[in-house]
Structure formats: C-alpha cells, structure tokens
Amino acid sequence: MERKAFLRTLGAGAAFALTFPCVQGCSKDGDGGGQPIPTGIDFTVDLSGPDGMALQNNGDFILRNDVVVVRNLEGNFVAASQICSHEGYDQVRFVQSQGGIFQCSVHGSQFDQNGTPLNAITQNPLKIFQTSLNGDILRIFE
C-alpha cells in the first residue's frame, strides 16, 4: 500500500490524535524542562567566604538553591530564578551584554534585571527575589 493511501485510511481523527500532543507540548510556556519555579526562598550568602570571592567583581554570579545571585554591572546584588519561566529548564545565567541581563541557554529567553522578558520567546516574567546586605551577610528571600 502506498503512503498516501495508508494515510487516507487513517482518517482525520487518527491524524489529529497523533499530531495534537506534539503541537500542544511545543506551544505552551512552562511545559518543557519541567522544573518548578523556586518558592519559599530564604537563605544567606557569607561574602567573607568563598561565595564572596566568587561575587567579588561586577558581573560575577553564583548559583545557589535554584537562584542566580549576581553582583550586577553597577555593583548591586540581584537574585533571580535559575529556572526559566519559558519551559522550566535550570539554565538561566547572568550575561554582561545589554547592560547585564538574565539569559536561558536552552531556547535563548532573555530577561532584564526586573524579570521582564526582552524577546518574544516567552511572555512569562522571570522570578526575581529580594536581597538585603547586612555587613558581609547577603540575604536572598521572597
């Protein structure tokens, strides 16, 4: 049996059943990598220790508890979800382009330091956490 004849025997219902899951899975934000956006975040970073050395220069960042903790290009601390709001991959990092942005390396989602999407890959904002500096202790929290 030729391919066209075989496809005709399947009918529209079977074709729909075979293609609908792929179309659904490929079109929705938040359904890819499957990792949940972190919640309940409240931890500290000792800037006098090894983490402090890793955050010594503007543009440096560390990864802790699914959070990207950054000393931005102005020298301020910013913390964002390491889990991308597009499809849930844990590949969000700080990059020093465009004045300093968060970018996911999986599909190229980009976000400003307030979590606002910068390109059309997603409309979902990136979760940003509060930071508070007390001496050498940096607190990251919701």
Protein backbone atom coordinates (compact mmCIF):
# COMPACT_ATOMS: atom_id res chain seq x y z
CA MET A 1 0.00 0.00 0.00
CA GLU A 2 1.32 3.45 -0.89
CA ARG A 3 1.88 6.04 1.81
CA LYS A 4 -0.91 8.35 0.59
CA ALA A 5 -3.40 5.51 0.54
CA PHE A 6 -2.34 4.45 4.03
CA LEU A 7 -2.74 7.98 5.38
CA ARG A 8 -6.20 8.23 3.84
CA THR A 9 -7.23 5.04 5.62
CA LEU A 10 -6.24 6.57 8.96
CA GLY A 11 -8.64 9.45 8.53
CA ALA A 12 -8.65 12.89 10.12
CA GLY A 13 -9.33 11.59 13.64
CA ALA A 14 -6.18 9.49 13.77
CA ALA A 15 -4.08 12.25 12.24
CA PHE A 16 -5.38 14.68 14.87
CA ALA A 17 -4.72 12.19 17.68
CA LEU A 18 -1.13 11.72 16.50
CA THR A 19 -0.26 15.38 15.99
CA PHE A 20 -2.23 17.16 18.75
CA PRO A 21 0.08 16.16 21.66
CA CYS A 22 3.14 17.47 19.82
CA VAL A 23 1.50 20.75 18.91
CA GLN A 24 0.27 21.23 22.48
CA GLY A 25 3.63 20.33 24.00
CA CYS A 26 5.59 22.60 21.72
CA SER A 27 3.42 25.68 22.06
CA LYS A 28 2.90 26.28 25.76
CA ASP A 29 5.23 28.14 28.10
CA GLY A 30 6.25 26.25 31.20
CA ASP A 31 5.84 22.67 29.90
CA GLY A 32 9.39 21.78 28.81
CA GLY A 33 12.12 21.06 31.35
CA GLY A 34 9.51 20.55 33.99
CA GLN A 35 11.31 22.06 36.97
CA PRO A 36 9.11 24.26 39.15
CA ILE A 37 10.00 27.90 39.75
CA PRO A 38 11.57 28.07 43.23
CA THR A 39 9.36 29.26 46.07
CA GLY A 40 9.94 29.79 49.77
CA ILE A 41 13.42 31.13 49.09
CA ASP A 42 15.20 32.49 52.16
CA PHE A 43 18.93 31.90 52.52
CA THR A 44 22.13 33.82 53.16
CA VAL A 45 25.47 34.11 51.44
CA ASP A 46 28.57 34.93 53.51
CA LEU A 47 30.51 37.43 51.40
CA SER A 48 33.62 36.99 53.57
CA GLY A 49 33.88 33.34 52.50
CA PRO A 50 34.33 31.50 49.19
CA ASP A 51 30.99 32.80 47.85
CA GLY A 52 32.19 36.33 48.47
CA MET A 53 35.28 35.70 46.38
CA ALA A 54 33.04 34.40 43.59
CA LEU A 55 30.96 37.61 43.79
CA GLN A 56 33.90 40.00 44.15
CA ASN A 57 33.66 41.68 40.73
CA ASN A 58 30.79 43.39 38.97
CA GLY A 59 29.19 40.86 36.61
CA ASP A 60 30.07 37.85 38.80
CA PHE A 61 27.37 35.38 39.80
CA ILE A 62 26.88 32.19 41.78
CA LEU A 63 24.16 29.52 41.70
CA ARG A 64 22.52 28.53 45.00
CA ASN A 65 19.17 26.83 45.74
CA ASP A 66 17.95 27.28 42.12
CA VAL A 67 18.74 31.00 42.33
CA VAL A 68 21.25 33.07 40.33
CA VAL A 69 22.85 35.55 42.75
CA VAL A 70 24.58 38.37 40.87
CA ARG A 71 26.73 41.39 41.58
CA ASN A 72 25.42 43.36 38.62
CA LEU A 73 27.47 45.73 36.47
CA GLU A 74 26.67 48.61 38.84
CA GLY A 75 27.86 46.61 41.87
CA ASN A 76 24.39 45.91 43.30
CA PHE A 77 23.18 42.44 44.26
CA VAL A 78 20.31 40.95 42.26
CA ALA A 79 18.83 37.47 42.60
CA ALA A 80 16.68 35.65 40.05
CA SER A 81 15.28 32.20 39.50
CA GLN A 82 17.72 29.84 37.83
CA ILE A 83 14.63 28.05 36.46
CA CYS A 84 13.49 29.69 33.24
CA SER A 85 9.87 30.81 33.06
CA HIS A 86 9.68 29.64 29.43
CA GLU A 87 9.91 25.87 29.80
CA GLY A 88 11.34 25.19 33.25
CA TYR A 89 14.99 24.49 32.42
CA ASP A 90 17.56 25.40 35.11
CA GLN A 91 19.89 27.18 32.69
CA VAL A 92 19.31 30.87 33.49
CA ARG A 93 22.59 32.74 33.93
CA PHE A 94 23.68 36.37 34.12
CA VAL A 95 25.37 37.70 30.99
CA GLN A 96 27.14 41.02 30.68
CA SER A 97 25.51 42.11 27.42
CA GLN A 98 22.88 44.86 27.12
CA GLY A 99 23.90 46.31 30.48
CA GLY A 100 23.54 42.94 32.21
CA ILE A 101 20.66 40.56 31.60
CA PHE A 102 19.49 37.10 32.58
CA GLN A 103 19.51 34.58 29.75
CA CYS A 104 18.48 30.94 29.41
CA SER A 105 20.86 28.97 27.23
CA VAL A 106 18.26 26.38 26.20
CA HIS A 107 15.99 28.49 23.96
CA GLY A 108 17.52 31.96 24.33
CA SER A 109 14.95 33.59 26.60
CA GLN A 110 16.24 36.93 27.86
CA PHE A 111 15.09 39.00 30.83
CA ASP A 112 16.06 42.34 32.29
CA GLN A 113 17.11 42.62 35.94
CA ASN A 114 13.48 43.15 36.95
CA GLY A 115 12.48 39.85 35.29
CA THR A 116 10.72 41.42 32.30
CA PRO A 117 11.07 39.34 29.10
CA LEU A 118 13.25 41.04 26.48
CA ASN A 119 12.43 38.86 23.47
CA ALA A 120 9.42 37.07 22.03
CA ILE A 121 10.41 33.60 23.24
CA THR A 122 8.24 33.97 26.34
CA GLN A 123 5.86 36.48 27.83
CA ASN A 124 6.27 34.99 31.33
CA PRO A 125 8.45 37.12 33.61
CA LEU A 126 11.47 35.64 35.36
CA LYS A 127 11.03 35.45 39.13
CA ILE A 128 13.20 37.99 40.96
CA PHE A 129 13.98 37.70 44.66
CA GLN A 130 14.71 40.39 47.21
CA THR A 131 18.22 40.92 48.54
CA SER A 132 19.40 42.57 51.74
CA LEU A 133 23.01 43.21 52.74
CA ASN A 134 23.96 43.37 56.43
CA GLY A 135 27.74 43.61 56.82
CA ASP A 136 29.15 40.59 54.97
CA ILE A 137 25.89 38.64 55.00
CA LEU A 138 23.72 38.85 51.89
CA ARG A 139 20.18 37.59 52.40
CA ILE A 140 18.14 36.33 49.41
CA PHE A 141 14.42 35.97 50.12
CA GLU A 142 10.86 36.37 48.87
